[in-house]
Amino acid sequence: MALLTAAARLLGAKNASCLFLAARHASASSTNLKDVLANLIPKEQARIKAFRQQHGKTVVGQITVDMMYGGMRGMKGLVYETSVLDPDEGIGFRGHRIPECQKLLPKVKGGEEPLPEGLFWLLVTGQIPTEEQVSWLSKEWAKRAALPSHVVKMLDNFPTNLHPMSQLSAAITALNNESNFARSYAEGINRTKYWKSIYEDCMDLIAKLPCVATKICQTLYQEGSSIDSKLDWSHNLTNMLGYTDA
């Protein structure tokens, strides 16, 4: 985020807001996240390319030996736009502090906290999603949730004393077999199109996490239920782990 601040100063006040909010100007009418990103990303790619051509040699900080020995604290080393941790105001997501997110992001009917789908949409696009967009994302994750048989078999064959986090790590690694990005990269996809495969992998992985967690829980502790396409992501996760309203 420090790099973004420096970049904003270079661009000037008039264009600084574009640096942080450009993604929010895309149409909010589409409920398909990939369609929204297909509109946003080429514009961002062009903006960043132009910015780097103009300011690529600009020095944005100084690195000392103490910084290197002190865990790299204070080093400006990466452009990171999705969140920032301010020592006074706390964490912010795409320019919105937590109280703002709690107020603006869609909630389940009768709920008090934002749905994970809404926060994910905000992080990826920079936009506050509509209830329809969040609903689409819930259904899309439910459609992608099923685990491949080789992952299920692997989890079934693990010893019951293997730590749950070790099982989770192994399952995520094994899902690499289904990776769109790995396949596309091996085929020599143009780097400007990386985002399409990365999008598919991110969506697939997030969708499958409740099933992975439930399978591990079933093996170690108790039986669980299966994905319900009518429920949101967190509702499915808690239901499948055996935590219901009943």
C-alpha atoms as a PDB file:
ATOM      1  CA  MET A   1       0.000   0.000   0.000  1.00  0.00           C
ATOM      2  CA  ALA A   2       2.953   2.300   0.571  1.00  0.00           C
ATOM      3  CA  LEU A   3       3.796   2.002  -3.101  1.00  0.00           C
ATOM      4  CA  LEU A   4       0.249   2.994  -3.982  1.00  0.00           C
ATOM      5  CA  THR A   5       0.523   6.051  -1.785  1.00  0.00           C
ATOM      6  CA  ALA A   6       3.743   7.043  -3.516  1.00  0.00           C
ATOM      7  CA  ALA A   7       2.163   6.385  -6.885  1.00  0.00           C
ATOM      8  CA  ALA A   8      -0.823   8.530  -5.982  1.00  0.00           C
ATOM      9  CA  ARG A   9       1.486  11.423  -5.150  1.00  0.00           C
ATOM     10  CA  LEU A  10       3.180  11.079  -8.497  1.00  0.00           C
ATOM     11  CA  LEU A  11      -0.133  11.008 -10.335  1.00  0.00           C
ATOM     12  CA  GLY A  12      -1.483  14.031  -8.506  1.00  0.00           C
ATOM     13  CA  ALA A  13      -4.721  14.548  -6.603  1.00  0.00           C
ATOM     14  CA  LYS A  14      -6.903  14.499  -9.699  1.00  0.00           C
ATOM     15  CA  ASN A  15      -5.863  10.991 -10.676  1.00  0.00           C
ATOM     16  CA  ALA A  16      -5.090   9.581  -7.237  1.00  0.00           C
ATOM     17  CA  SER A  17      -8.642   8.359  -6.761  1.00  0.00           C
ATOM     18  CA  CYS A  18      -8.352   6.416 -10.017  1.00  0.00           C
ATOM     19  CA  LEU A  19      -5.443   4.479  -8.560  1.00  0.00           C
ATOM     20  CA  PHE A  20      -7.526   3.222  -5.673  1.00  0.00           C
ATOM     21  CA  LEU A  21     -11.021   3.181  -7.160  1.00  0.00           C
ATOM     22  CA  ALA A  22     -10.685   2.416 -10.872  1.00  0.00           C
ATOM     23  CA  ALA A  23     -12.243  -0.993 -10.453  1.00  0.00           C
ATOM     24  CA  ARG A  24     -15.419   0.500  -9.052  1.00  0.00           C
ATOM     25  CA  HIS A  25     -16.345   2.196 -12.311  1.00  0.00           C
ATOM     26  CA  ALA A  26     -17.192  -1.099 -14.015  1.00  0.00           C
ATOM     27  CA  SER A  27     -20.833  -1.944 -14.526  1.00  0.00           C
ATOM     28  CA  ALA A  28     -22.580  -3.336 -11.471  1.00  0.00           C
ATOM     29  CA  SER A  29     -25.371  -4.787 -13.610  1.00  0.00           C
ATOM     30  CA  SER A  30     -23.727  -8.173 -14.265  1.00  0.00           C
ATOM     31  CA  THR A  31     -24.035 -10.852 -11.609  1.00  0.00           C
ATOM     32  CA  ASN A  32     -21.296 -12.969 -13.213  1.00  0.00           C
ATOM     33  CA  LEU A  33     -18.012 -12.149 -11.492  1.00  0.00           C
ATOM     34  CA  LYS A  34     -15.871 -13.274 -14.414  1.00  0.00           C
ATOM     35  CA  ASP A  35     -17.782 -10.957 -16.766  1.00  0.00           C
ATOM     36  CA  VAL A  36     -17.191  -8.056 -14.377  1.00  0.00           C
ATOM     37  CA  LEU A  37     -13.475  -8.857 -14.215  1.00  0.00           C
ATOM     38  CA  ALA A  38     -13.262  -9.219 -17.991  1.00  0.00           C
ATOM     39  CA  ASN A  39     -14.383  -5.585 -18.178  1.00  0.00           C
ATOM     40  CA  LEU A  40     -12.122  -4.357 -15.370  1.00  0.00           C
ATOM     41  CA  ILE A  41      -8.829  -6.136 -15.917  1.00  0.00           C
ATOM     42  CA  PRO A  42      -7.847  -4.926 -19.421  1.00  0.00           C
ATOM     43  CA  LYS A  43      -8.360  -1.344 -18.251  1.00  0.00           C
ATOM     44  CA  GLU A  44      -6.245  -1.949 -15.170  1.00  0.00           C
ATOM     45  CA  GLN A  45      -3.541  -3.639 -17.221  1.00  0.00           C
ATOM     46  CA  ALA A  46      -3.380  -0.665 -19.565  1.00  0.00           C
ATOM     47  CA  ARG A  47      -3.359   1.823 -16.679  1.00  0.00           C
ATOM     48  CA  ILE A  48      -0.561   0.031 -14.853  1.00  0.00           C
ATOM     49  CA  LYS A  49       1.485  -0.354 -18.038  1.00  0.00           C
ATOM     50  CA  ALA A  50       1.229   3.381 -18.728  1.00  0.00           C
ATOM     51  CA  PHE A  51       2.049   4.249 -15.123  1.00  0.00           C
ATOM     52  CA  ARG A  52       5.139   2.025 -15.115  1.00  0.00           C
ATOM     53  CA  GLN A  53       6.350   3.489 -18.400  1.00  0.00           C
ATOM     54  CA  GLN A  54       6.114   6.979 -16.929  1.00  0.00           C
ATOM     55  CA  HIS A  55       7.365   6.341 -13.392  1.00  0.00           C
ATOM     56  CA  GLY A  56       9.170   2.986 -13.564  1.00  0.00           C
ATOM     57  CA  LYS A  57      12.542   4.431 -12.504  1.00  0.00           C
ATOM     58  CA  THR A  58      11.196   6.513  -9.626  1.00  0.00           C
ATOM     59  CA  VAL A  59      12.731   5.691  -6.230  1.00  0.00           C
ATOM     60  CA  VAL A  60      10.035   5.110  -3.582  1.00  0.00           C
ATOM     61  CA  GLY A  61      12.084   4.224  -0.501  1.00  0.00           C
ATOM     62  CA  GLN A  62      15.402   3.403   1.140  1.00  0.00           C
ATOM     63  CA  ILE A  63      16.400   0.019   2.552  1.00  0.00           C
ATOM     64  CA  THR A  64      18.741  -0.232   5.542  1.00  0.00           C
ATOM     65  CA  VAL A  65      20.605  -3.154   7.079  1.00  0.00           C
ATOM     66  CA  ASP A  66      18.399  -2.882  10.188  1.00  0.00           C
ATOM     67  CA  MET A  67      15.319  -3.366   8.015  1.00  0.00           C
ATOM     68  CA  MET A  68      16.743  -6.547   6.509  1.00  0.00           C
ATOM     69  CA  TYR A  69      17.617  -7.964   9.933  1.00  0.00           C
ATOM     70  CA  GLY A  70      14.349  -6.781  11.434  1.00  0.00           C
ATOM     71  CA  GLY A  71      12.001  -8.897   9.326  1.00  0.00           C
ATOM     72  CA  MET A  72      11.809  -6.490   6.362  1.00  0.00           C
ATOM     73  CA  ARG A  73       9.569  -4.129   8.339  1.00  0.00           C
ATOM     74  CA  GLY A  74       9.005  -0.800   6.639  1.00  0.00           C
ATOM     75  CA  MET A  75      10.352  -1.961   3.276  1.00  0.00           C
ATOM     76  CA  LYS A  76       8.350  -0.871   0.245  1.00  0.00           C
ATOM     77  CA  GLY A  77       8.502  -4.011  -1.817  1.00  0.00           C
ATOM     78  CA  LEU A  78       5.121  -4.856  -3.300  1.00  0.00           C
ATOM     79  CA  VAL A  79       2.022  -3.188  -4.711  1.00  0.00           C
ATOM     80  CA  TYR A  80      -0.889  -4.620  -2.743  1.00  0.00           C
ATOM     81  CA  GLU A  81      -4.262  -3.052  -3.394  1.00  0.00           C
ATOM     82  CA  THR A  82      -6.806  -5.272  -1.655  1.00  0.00           C
ATOM     83  CA  SER A  83      -6.201  -4.289   1.972  1.00  0.00           C
ATOM     84  CA  VAL A  84      -4.126  -2.069   4.226  1.00  0.00           C
ATOM     85  CA  LEU A  85      -3.411  -2.162   7.965  1.00  0.00           C
ATOM     86  CA  ASP A  86      -3.320   1.322   9.453  1.00  0.00           C
ATOM     87  CA  PRO A  87      -1.913   1.674  12.996  1.00  0.00           C
ATOM     88  CA  ASP A  88      -4.658   4.149  13.925  1.00  0.00           C
ATOM     89  CA  GLU A  89      -7.690   3.238  11.817  1.00  0.00           C
ATOM     90  CA  GLY A  90      -7.173  -0.525  11.663  1.00  0.00           C
ATOM     91  CA  ILE A  91      -7.557  -2.785   8.659  1.00  0.00           C
ATOM     92  CA  GLY A  92      -9.259  -1.557   5.504  1.00  0.00           C
ATOM     93  CA  PHE A  93     -10.493  -3.464   2.479  1.00  0.00           C
ATOM     94  CA  ARG A  94     -10.400  -1.573  -0.820  1.00  0.00           C
ATOM     95  CA  GLY A  95     -10.661   1.717   1.051  1.00  0.00           C
ATOM     96  CA  HIS A  96     -13.429   0.569   3.429  1.00  0.00           C
ATOM     97  CA  ARG A  97     -12.803   0.074   7.143  1.00  0.00           C
ATOM     98  CA  ILE A  98     -14.446  -2.848   8.934  1.00  0.00           C
ATOM     99  CA  PRO A  99     -17.429  -0.813  10.261  1.00  0.00           C
ATOM    100  CA  GLU A 100     -18.083   0.402   6.705  1.00  0.00           C
ATOM    101  CA  CYS A 101     -17.931  -3.147   5.378  1.00  0.00           C
ATOM    102  CA  GLN A 102     -20.362  -4.257   8.067  1.00  0.00           C
ATOM    103  CA  LYS A 103     -22.739  -1.523   6.991  1.00  0.00           C
ATOM    104  CA  LEU A 104     -22.391  -1.707   3.202  1.00  0.00           C
ATOM    105  CA  LEU A 105     -21.900  -5.362   2.318  1.00  0.00           C
ATOM    106  CA  PRO A 106     -24.938  -7.658   1.827  1.00  0.00           C
ATOM    107  CA  LYS A 107     -26.025  -9.821   4.750  1.00  0.00           C
ATOM    108  CA  VAL A 108     -28.182 -12.899   5.025  1.00  0.00           C
ATOM    109  CA  LYS A 109     -31.789 -12.043   5.881  1.00  0.00           C
ATOM    110  CA  GLY A 110     -31.953 -11.344   9.606  1.00  0.00           C
ATOM    111  CA  GLY A 111     -28.159 -11.407   9.944  1.00  0.00           C
ATOM    112  CA  GLU A 112     -25.870  -8.729  11.331  1.00  0.00           C
ATOM    113  CA  GLU A 113     -22.544  -9.520   9.629  1.00  0.00           C
ATOM    114  CA  PRO A 114     -21.602  -9.438   5.917  1.00  0.00           C
ATOM    115  CA  LEU A 115     -21.533 -12.643   3.919  1.00  0.00           C
ATOM    116  CA  PRO A 116     -18.076 -13.929   2.863  1.00  0.00           C
ATOM    117  CA  GLU A 117     -19.202 -13.733  -0.760  1.00  0.00           C
ATOM    118  CA  GLY A 118     -19.672  -9.977  -0.469  1.00  0.00           C
ATOM    119  CA  LEU A 119     -16.222  -9.407   0.989  1.00  0.00           C
ATOM    120  CA  PHE A 120     -14.656 -11.607  -1.686  1.00  0.00           C
ATOM    121  CA  TRP A 121     -16.403  -9.595  -4.421  1.00  0.00           C
ATOM    122  CA  LEU A 122     -15.183  -6.350  -2.876  1.00  0.00           C
ATOM    123  CA  LEU A 123     -11.589  -7.598  -2.637  1.00  0.00           C
ATOM    124  CA  VAL A 124     -11.518  -8.850  -6.222  1.00  0.00           C
ATOM    125  CA  THR A 125     -13.312  -5.977  -7.959  1.00  0.00           C
ATOM    126  CA  GLY A 126     -13.145  -2.976  -5.640  1.00  0.00           C
ATOM    127  CA  GLN A 127     -16.942  -2.745  -5.875  1.00  0.00           C
ATOM    128  CA  ILE A 128     -19.618  -3.092  -3.214  1.00  0.00           C
ATOM    129  CA  PRO A 129     -21.680  -5.972  -4.612  1.00  0.00           C
ATOM    130  CA  THR A 130     -25.439  -6.116  -4.892  1.00  0.00           C
ATOM    131  CA  GLU A 131     -27.484  -8.827  -3.211  1.00  0.00           C
ATOM    132  CA  GLU A 132     -27.981 -10.399  -6.639  1.00  0.00           C
ATOM    133  CA  GLN A 133     -24.231 -10.561  -7.240  1.00  0.00           C
ATOM    134  CA  VAL A 134     -23.660 -12.164  -3.843  1.00  0.00           C
ATOM    135  CA  SER A 135     -26.442 -14.669  -4.531  1.00  0.00           C
ATOM    136  CA  TRP A 136     -24.834 -15.557  -7.869  1.00  0.00           C
ATOM    137  CA  LEU A 137     -21.508 -16.142  -6.156  1.00  0.00           C
ATOM    138  CA  SER A 138     -23.109 -18.410  -3.534  1.00  0.00           C
ATOM    139  CA  LYS A 139     -24.680 -20.548  -6.254  1.00  0.00           C
ATOM    140  CA  GLU A 140     -21.482 -20.584  -8.320  1.00  0.00           C
ATOM    141  CA  TRP A 141     -19.415 -21.836  -5.391  1.00  0.00           C
ATOM    142  CA  ALA A 142     -22.014 -24.505  -4.634  1.00  0.00           C
ATOM    143  CA  LYS A 143     -21.777 -25.733  -8.256  1.00  0.00           C
ATOM    144  CA  ARG A 144     -17.989 -26.041  -8.009  1.00  0.00           C
ATOM    145  CA  ALA A 145     -17.886 -27.677  -4.571  1.00  0.00           C
ATOM    146  CA  ALA A 146     -17.581 -31.395  -5.370  1.00  0.00           C
ATOM    147  CA  LEU A 147     -14.224 -32.982  -4.617  1.00  0.00           C
ATOM    148  CA  PRO A 148     -12.436 -35.177  -7.179  1.00  0.00           C
ATOM    149  CA  SER A 149     -12.442 -38.846  -6.223  1.00  0.00           C
ATOM    150  CA  HIS A 150      -8.653 -39.030  -5.784  1.00  0.00           C
ATOM    151  CA  VAL A 151      -8.778 -36.353  -3.065  1.00  0.00           C
ATOM    152  CA  VAL A 152     -11.619 -38.118  -1.252  1.00  0.00           C
ATOM    153  CA  LYS A 153      -9.714 -41.427  -1.406  1.00  0.00           C
ATOM    154  CA  MET A 154      -6.542 -39.762  -0.131  1.00  0.00           C
ATOM    155  CA  LEU A 155      -8.346 -38.244   2.862  1.00  0.00           C
ATOM    156  CA  ASP A 156     -10.029 -41.582   3.606  1.00  0.00           C
ATOM    157  CA  ASN A 157      -6.646 -43.301   3.692  1.00  0.00           C
ATOM    158  CA  PHE A 158      -4.956 -40.871   6.068  1.00  0.00           C
ATOM    159  CA  PRO A 159      -4.309 -42.161   9.605  1.00  0.00           C
ATOM    160  CA  THR A 160      -6.829 -40.807  12.099  1.00  0.00           C
ATOM    161  CA  ASN A 161      -4.069 -39.250  14.200  1.00  0.00           C
ATOM    162  CA  LEU A 162      -2.813 -37.067  11.329  1.00  0.00           C
ATOM    163  CA  HIS A 163      -3.361 -33.425  12.294  1.00  0.00           C
ATOM    164  CA  PRO A 164      -6.379 -31.816  10.545  1.00  0.00           C
ATOM    165  CA  MET A 165      -4.232 -28.960   9.220  1.00  0.00           C
ATOM    166  CA  SER A 166      -1.819 -31.454   7.667  1.00  0.00           C
ATOM    167  CA  GLN A 167      -4.769 -33.140   5.973  1.00  0.00           C
ATOM    168  CA  LEU A 168      -6.078 -29.777   4.747  1.00  0.00           C
ATOM    169  CA  SER A 169      -2.677 -28.817   3.347  1.00  0.00           C
ATOM    170  CA  ALA A 170      -2.319 -32.161   1.565  1.00  0.00           C
ATOM    171  CA  ALA A 171      -5.825 -31.929   0.079  1.00  0.00           C
ATOM    172  CA  ILE A 172      -5.212 -28.433  -1.287  1.00  0.00           C
ATOM    173  CA  THR A 173      -1.910 -29.547  -2.788  1.00  0.00           C
ATOM    174  CA  ALA A 174      -3.574 -32.579  -4.389  1.00  0.00           C
ATOM    175  CA  LEU A 175      -6.160 -30.325  -6.028  1.00  0.00           C
ATOM    176  CA  ASN A 176      -3.320 -29.015  -8.178  1.00  0.00           C
ATOM    177  CA  ASN A 177      -4.171 -31.921 -10.465  1.00  0.00           C
ATOM    178  CA  GLU A 178      -7.288 -29.981 -11.489  1.00  0.00           C
ATOM    179  CA  SER A 179      -5.547 -26.600 -11.770  1.00  0.00           C
ATOM    180  CA  ASN A 180      -6.589 -24.525 -14.761  1.00  0.00           C
ATOM    181  CA  PHE A 181      -3.574 -22.274 -14.338  1.00  0.00           C
ATOM    182  CA  ALA A 182      -1.053 -25.125 -14.240  1.00  0.00           C
ATOM    183  CA  ARG A 183      -2.510 -26.526 -17.441  1.00  0.00           C
ATOM    184  CA  SER A 184      -2.676 -23.157 -19.193  1.00  0.00           C
ATOM    185  CA  TYR A 185       0.838 -22.187 -18.098  1.00  0.00           C
ATOM    186  CA  ALA A 186       2.219 -25.459 -19.464  1.00  0.00           C
ATOM    187  CA  GLU A 187       0.494 -24.671 -22.768  1.00  0.00           C
ATOM    188  CA  GLY A 188       2.227 -21.270 -22.931  1.00  0.00           C
ATOM    189  CA  ILE A 189      -0.699 -18.948 -22.262  1.00  0.00           C
ATOM    190  CA  ASN A 190       0.033 -15.221 -22.711  1.00  0.00           C
ATOM    191  CA  ARG A 191       0.650 -13.564 -19.345  1.00  0.00           C
ATOM    192  CA  THR A 192      -2.073 -10.972 -20.014  1.00  0.00           C
ATOM    193  CA  LYS A 193      -4.524 -13.892 -19.856  1.00  0.00           C
ATOM    194  CA  TYR A 194      -3.180 -15.396 -16.626  1.00  0.00           C
ATOM    195  CA  TRP A 195      -6.050 -13.892 -14.699  1.00  0.00           C
ATOM    196  CA  LYS A 196      -8.642 -16.117 -16.392  1.00  0.00           C
ATOM    197  CA  SER A 197      -7.015 -19.327 -15.215  1.00  0.00           C
ATOM    198  CA  ILE A 198      -6.195 -17.861 -11.806  1.00  0.00           C
ATOM    199  CA  TYR A 199      -9.844 -16.845 -11.455  1.00  0.00           C
ATOM    200  CA  GLU A 200     -10.998 -20.397 -12.165  1.00  0.00           C
ATOM    201  CA  ASP A 201      -8.540 -21.885  -9.660  1.00  0.00           C
ATOM    202  CA  CYS A 202      -9.477 -19.386  -6.936  1.00  0.00           C
ATOM    203  CA  MET A 203     -13.175 -20.011  -7.439  1.00  0.00           C
ATOM    204  CA  ASP A 204     -12.714 -23.780  -7.457  1.00  0.00           C
ATOM    205  CA  LEU A 205     -10.522 -23.821  -4.355  1.00  0.00           C
ATOM    206  CA  ILE A 206     -12.773 -21.572  -2.263  1.00  0.00           C
ATOM    207  CA  ALA A 207     -15.797 -23.605  -3.367  1.00  0.00           C
ATOM    208  CA  LYS A 208     -14.186 -26.900  -2.351  1.00  0.00           C
ATOM    209  CA  LEU A 209     -12.843 -25.833   1.049  1.00  0.00           C
ATOM    210  CA  PRO A 210     -16.093 -26.598   2.941  1.00  0.00           C
ATOM    211  CA  CYS A 211     -16.127 -30.099   1.437  1.00  0.00           C
ATOM    212  CA  VAL A 212     -12.480 -30.658   2.360  1.00  0.00           C
ATOM    213  CA  ALA A 213     -13.085 -29.452   5.918  1.00  0.00           C
ATOM    214  CA  THR A 214     -16.203 -31.591   6.241  1.00  0.00           C
ATOM    215  CA  LYS A 215     -14.465 -34.698   4.921  1.00  0.00           C
ATOM    216  CA  ILE A 216     -11.666 -34.264   7.459  1.00  0.00           C
ATOM    217  CA  CYS A 217     -14.219 -33.676  10.217  1.00  0.00           C
ATOM    218  CA  GLN A 218     -16.146 -36.802   9.209  1.00  0.00           C
ATOM    219  CA  THR A 219     -12.987 -38.891   9.355  1.00  0.00           C
ATOM    220  CA  LEU A 220     -11.868 -37.596  12.745  1.00  0.00           C
ATOM    221  CA  TYR A 221     -14.963 -36.582  14.660  1.00  0.00           C
ATOM    222  CA  GLN A 222     -18.503 -36.893  13.307  1.00  0.00           C
ATOM    223  CA  GLU A 223     -20.688 -37.298  10.259  1.00  0.00           C
ATOM    224  CA  GLY A 224     -21.701 -34.213   8.264  1.00  0.00           C
ATOM    225  CA  SER A 225     -24.103 -33.263   5.510  1.00  0.00           C
ATOM    226  CA  SER A 226     -23.533 -32.336   1.857  1.00  0.00           C
ATOM    227  CA  ILE A 227     -23.604 -29.082  -0.138  1.00  0.00           C
ATOM    228  CA  ASP A 228     -26.980 -27.362  -0.486  1.00  0.00           C
ATOM    229  CA  SER A 229     -27.092 -25.115  -3.555  1.00  0.00           C
ATOM    230  CA  LYS A 230     -29.736 -22.924  -1.887  1.00  0.00           C
ATOM    231  CA  LEU A 231     -27.413 -21.871   0.938  1.00  0.00           C
ATOM    232  CA  ASP A 232     -24.553 -19.388   1.026  1.00  0.00           C
ATOM    233  CA  TRP A 233     -20.922 -20.496   1.502  1.00  0.00           C
ATOM    234  CA  SER A 234     -20.658 -20.050   5.286  1.00  0.00           C
ATOM    235  CA  HIS A 235     -24.111 -21.583   5.882  1.00  0.00           C
ATOM    236  CA  ASN A 236     -23.043 -24.641   3.907  1.00  0.00           C
ATOM    237  CA  LEU A 237     -19.793 -24.880   5.833  1.00  0.00           C
ATOM    238  CA  THR A 238     -21.436 -24.759   9.261  1.00  0.00           C
ATOM    239  CA  ASN A 239     -24.247 -27.133   8.217  1.00  0.00           C
ATOM    240  CA  MET A 240     -21.804 -29.644   6.805  1.00  0.00           C
ATOM    241  CA  LEU A 241     -19.759 -29.552   9.996  1.00  0.00           C
ATOM    242  CA  GLY A 242     -22.908 -30.302  11.994  1.00  0.00           C
ATOM    243  CA  TYR A 243     -23.622 -26.831  13.357  1.00  0.00           C
ATOM    244  CA  THR A 244     -27.227 -26.008  12.555  1.00  0.00           C
ATOM    245  CA  ASP A 245     -29.883 -23.631  13.903  1.00  0.00           C
ATOM    246  CA  ALA A 246     -31.770 -26.574  15.355  1.00  0.00           C
END
